[in-house]
């Protein structure tokens, strides 16, 4: 399963488990119902801000991994965000 399809499935699962309709989630997140529908269908052009609002309402966190993440975090903590 590709990343966007999995993310769509995760969001749909969490919404249903929370007992929310797409319209209910949209209202709580401050986005349009179409935005929730599009995210759950795996639309690839969803704005990051919209996705972030939906994830916050559902209490879903995302993390970043990669071979340079430890170095990035260390530099960010010691040098600040440049």
N, C-alpha and C. Protein backbone atom coordinates (compact mmCIF):
# COMPACT_ATOMS: atom_id res chain seq x y z
N UNK A 1 0.85 -1.18 0.00
CA UNK A 1 0.00 0.00 0.00
C UNK A 1 0.90 1.24 0.00
N UNK A 2 0.62 2.14 -0.88
CA UNK A 2 1.41 3.37 -0.98
C UNK A 2 1.06 4.30 0.18
N UNK A 3 1.95 5.24 0.48
CA UNK A 3 1.83 6.14 1.63
C UNK A 3 0.48 6.85 1.67
N UNK A 4 0.07 7.47 0.58
CA UNK A 4 -1.17 8.25 0.58
C UNK A 4 -2.38 7.36 0.81
N UNK A 5 -2.39 6.18 0.21
CA UNK A 5 -3.50 5.25 0.42
C UNK A 5 -3.56 4.81 1.87
N UNK A 6 -2.40 4.54 2.47
CA UNK A 6 -2.38 4.13 3.87
C UNK A 6 -2.83 5.26 4.78
N UNK A 7 -2.38 6.47 4.52
CA UNK A 7 -2.79 7.62 5.32
C UNK A 7 -4.30 7.81 5.22
N UNK A 8 -4.86 7.69 4.04
CA UNK A 8 -6.30 7.80 3.85
C UNK A 8 -7.04 6.74 4.67
N UNK A 9 -6.54 5.53 4.65
CA UNK A 9 -7.15 4.44 5.41
C UNK A 9 -7.06 4.69 6.92
N UNK A 10 -5.93 5.18 7.38
CA UNK A 10 -5.74 5.48 8.80
C UNK A 10 -6.72 6.56 9.25
N UNK A 11 -6.86 7.60 8.46
CA UNK A 11 -7.77 8.70 8.81
C UNK A 11 -9.21 8.20 8.84
N UNK A 12 -9.60 7.45 7.83
CA UNK A 12 -10.97 6.91 7.79
C UNK A 12 -11.23 6.01 9.00
N UNK A 13 -10.28 5.15 9.35
CA UNK A 13 -10.41 4.26 10.51
C UNK A 13 -10.60 5.07 11.79
N UNK A 14 -9.74 6.06 12.00
CA UNK A 14 -9.83 6.86 13.22
C UNK A 14 -11.13 7.66 13.28
N UNK A 15 -11.55 8.19 12.16
CA UNK A 15 -12.82 8.95 12.13
C UNK A 15 -13.98 8.06 12.52
N UNK A 16 -14.04 6.88 11.94
CA UNK A 16 -15.14 5.98 12.24
C UNK A 16 -15.11 5.51 13.69
N UNK A 17 -13.91 5.20 14.20
CA UNK A 17 -13.78 4.78 15.60
C UNK A 17 -14.17 5.90 16.56
N UNK A 18 -13.99 7.14 16.13
CA UNK A 18 -14.37 8.30 16.95
C UNK A 18 -15.87 8.58 16.84
N UNK A 19 -16.55 7.84 15.99
CA UNK A 19 -17.99 8.02 15.82
C UNK A 19 -18.35 9.28 15.07
N UNK A 20 -17.45 9.74 14.22
CA UNK A 20 -17.68 10.97 13.47
C UNK A 20 -18.07 10.69 12.03
N UNK A 21 -18.95 11.51 11.52
CA UNK A 21 -19.22 11.50 10.08
C UNK A 21 -18.15 12.37 9.42
N UNK A 22 -18.09 12.30 8.11
CA UNK A 22 -17.16 13.18 7.41
C UNK A 22 -17.51 14.64 7.67
N UNK A 23 -18.80 14.95 7.71
CA UNK A 23 -19.23 16.32 7.98
C UNK A 23 -18.86 16.74 9.40
N UNK A 24 -19.02 15.81 10.35
CA UNK A 24 -18.67 16.11 11.74
C UNK A 24 -17.18 16.37 11.91
N UNK A 25 -16.36 15.56 11.26
CA UNK A 25 -14.91 15.75 11.32
C UNK A 25 -14.53 17.08 10.66
N UNK A 26 -15.15 17.37 9.54
CA UNK A 26 -14.87 18.62 8.84
C UNK A 26 -15.18 19.82 9.73
N UNK A 27 -16.30 19.77 10.41
CA UNK A 27 -16.68 20.88 11.28
C UNK A 27 -15.67 21.06 12.41
N UNK A 28 -15.29 19.97 13.06
CA UNK A 28 -14.31 20.04 14.16
C UNK A 28 -12.95 20.54 13.68
N UNK A 29 -12.58 20.15 12.46
CA UNK A 29 -11.27 20.52 11.93
C UNK A 29 -11.28 21.91 11.28
N UNK A 30 -12.46 22.45 11.04
CA UNK A 30 -12.55 23.76 10.39
C UNK A 30 -12.22 23.70 8.91
N UNK A 31 -12.59 22.60 8.29
CA UNK A 31 -12.38 22.43 6.85
C UNK A 31 -13.71 22.03 6.21
N UNK A 32 -13.75 22.05 4.91
CA UNK A 32 -14.97 21.65 4.21
C UNK A 32 -15.13 20.13 4.20
N UNK A 33 -16.39 19.69 4.10
CA UNK A 33 -16.66 18.25 4.04
C UNK A 33 -15.97 17.61 2.84
N UNK A 34 -15.88 18.34 1.75
CA UNK A 34 -15.21 17.83 0.56
C UNK A 34 -13.74 17.54 0.85
N UNK A 35 -13.12 18.35 1.71
CA UNK A 35 -11.71 18.13 2.04
C UNK A 35 -11.53 16.80 2.74
N UNK A 36 -12.43 16.48 3.67
CA UNK A 36 -12.35 15.19 4.37
C UNK A 36 -12.58 14.06 3.39
N UNK A 37 -13.58 14.20 2.54
CA UNK A 37 -13.86 13.19 1.52
C UNK A 37 -12.63 12.96 0.65
N UNK A 38 -12.01 14.05 0.20
CA UNK A 38 -10.84 13.94 -0.67
C UNK A 38 -9.67 13.25 0.03
N UNK A 39 -9.44 13.60 1.29
CA UNK A 39 -8.34 12.98 2.05
C UNK A 39 -8.59 11.48 2.18
N UNK A 40 -9.82 11.11 2.51
CA UNK A 40 -10.14 9.69 2.69
C UNK A 40 -10.12 8.92 1.38
N UNK A 41 -10.21 9.60 0.27
CA UNK A 41 -10.12 8.94 -1.04
C UNK A 41 -8.69 8.93 -1.56
N UNK A 42 -7.78 9.54 -0.79
CA UNK A 42 -6.38 9.52 -1.19
C UNK A 42 -6.00 10.56 -2.24
N UNK A 43 -6.75 11.66 -2.29
CA UNK A 43 -6.42 12.72 -3.24
C UNK A 43 -5.02 13.24 -2.95
N UNK A 44 -4.21 13.32 -3.97
CA UNK A 44 -2.80 13.65 -3.80
C UNK A 44 -2.52 15.14 -3.74
N UNK A 45 -3.50 15.97 -3.97
CA UNK A 45 -3.27 17.42 -3.98
C UNK A 45 -3.83 18.11 -2.74
N UNK A 46 -4.09 17.36 -1.69
CA UNK A 46 -4.58 17.95 -0.45
C UNK A 46 -3.52 18.87 0.14
N UNK A 47 -3.95 20.03 0.61
CA UNK A 47 -3.02 20.97 1.22
C UNK A 47 -2.54 20.43 2.57
N UNK A 48 -1.28 20.66 2.86
CA UNK A 48 -0.69 20.19 4.11
C UNK A 48 -1.42 20.77 5.31
N UNK A 49 -1.82 22.03 5.22
CA UNK A 49 -2.53 22.67 6.32
C UNK A 49 -3.85 21.95 6.61
N UNK A 50 -4.57 21.60 5.57
CA UNK A 50 -5.84 20.88 5.71
C UNK A 50 -5.59 19.51 6.35
N UNK A 51 -4.60 18.81 5.87
CA UNK A 51 -4.27 17.50 6.42
C UNK A 51 -3.90 17.63 7.90
N UNK A 52 -3.12 18.64 8.23
CA UNK A 52 -2.72 18.86 9.62
C UNK A 52 -3.91 19.08 10.53
N UNK A 53 -4.89 19.85 10.09
CA UNK A 53 -6.10 20.11 10.89
C UNK A 53 -6.86 18.82 11.15
N UNK A 54 -6.97 17.99 10.14
CA UNK A 54 -7.69 16.72 10.28
C UNK A 54 -6.94 15.79 11.23
N UNK A 55 -5.64 15.69 11.07
CA UNK A 55 -4.84 14.83 11.94
C UNK A 55 -4.90 15.28 13.39
N UNK A 56 -4.88 16.60 13.63
CA UNK A 56 -4.95 17.11 15.00
C UNK A 56 -6.27 16.71 15.66
N UNK A 57 -7.38 16.86 14.96
CA UNK A 57 -8.68 16.52 15.53
C UNK A 57 -8.73 15.04 15.89
N UNK A 58 -8.15 14.20 15.06
CA UNK A 58 -8.17 12.75 15.30
C UNK A 58 -7.04 12.29 16.21
N UNK A 59 -6.20 13.23 16.65
CA UNK A 59 -5.08 12.91 17.54
C UNK A 59 -4.12 11.90 16.90
N UNK A 60 -3.83 12.11 15.64
CA UNK A 60 -2.90 11.26 14.90
C UNK A 60 -1.60 12.05 14.72
N UNK A 61 -0.50 11.49 15.18
CA UNK A 61 0.79 12.12 15.00
C UNK A 61 1.55 11.46 13.86
N UNK A 62 2.45 12.23 13.28
CA UNK A 62 3.30 11.70 12.21
C UNK A 62 4.74 11.98 12.60
N UNK A 63 5.62 11.12 12.17
CA UNK A 63 7.03 11.30 12.47
C UNK A 63 7.86 11.22 11.20
N UNK A 64 9.07 11.69 11.31
CA UNK A 64 9.98 11.67 10.17
C UNK A 64 11.13 10.73 10.48
N UNK A 65 11.48 9.91 9.52
CA UNK A 65 12.61 9.01 9.67
C UNK A 65 13.53 9.18 8.47
N UNK A 66 14.77 8.84 8.67
CA UNK A 66 15.73 8.91 7.59
C UNK A 66 17.13 8.86 8.16
N UNK A 67 18.10 8.59 7.32
CA UNK A 67 19.46 8.40 7.82
C UNK A 67 20.08 9.66 8.42
N UNK A 68 19.55 10.83 8.10
CA UNK A 68 20.13 12.06 8.63
C UNK A 68 19.28 12.73 9.70
N UNK A 69 18.18 12.10 10.12
CA UNK A 69 17.28 12.74 11.07
C UNK A 69 17.92 12.97 12.44
N UNK A 70 18.73 12.03 12.90
CA UNK A 70 19.38 12.22 14.20
C UNK A 70 20.30 13.45 14.15
N UNK A 71 21.08 13.57 13.08
CA UNK A 71 21.96 14.73 12.94
C UNK A 71 21.14 16.02 12.83
N UNK A 72 20.05 15.98 12.07
CA UNK A 72 19.18 17.15 11.91
C UNK A 72 18.64 17.60 13.27
N UNK A 73 18.12 16.67 14.05
CA UNK A 73 17.56 17.02 15.37
C UNK A 73 18.63 17.59 16.28
N UNK A 74 19.81 16.99 16.24
CA UNK A 74 20.90 17.48 17.08
C UNK A 74 21.25 18.92 16.70
N UNK A 75 21.41 19.17 15.42
CA UNK A 75 21.76 20.52 14.96
C UNK A 75 20.66 21.52 15.27
N UNK A 76 19.43 21.12 15.08
CA UNK A 76 18.31 22.00 15.36
C UNK A 76 18.28 22.38 16.84
N UNK A 77 18.58 21.41 17.69
CA UNK A 77 18.56 21.66 19.14
C UNK A 77 19.75 22.49 19.60
N UNK A 78 20.87 22.40 18.92
CA UNK A 78 22.05 23.14 19.36
C UNK A 78 22.23 24.47 18.62
N UNK A 79 21.81 24.52 17.37
CA UNK A 79 22.03 25.73 16.57
C UNK A 79 20.75 26.52 16.33
N UNK A 80 19.62 25.94 16.60
CA UNK A 80 18.36 26.59 16.28
C UNK A 80 17.96 26.32 14.85
N UNK A 81 16.78 26.78 14.49
CA UNK A 81 16.25 26.55 13.14
C UNK A 81 16.74 27.65 12.23
N UNK A 82 17.61 27.32 11.29
CA UNK A 82 18.16 28.33 10.36
C UNK A 82 17.64 28.12 8.98
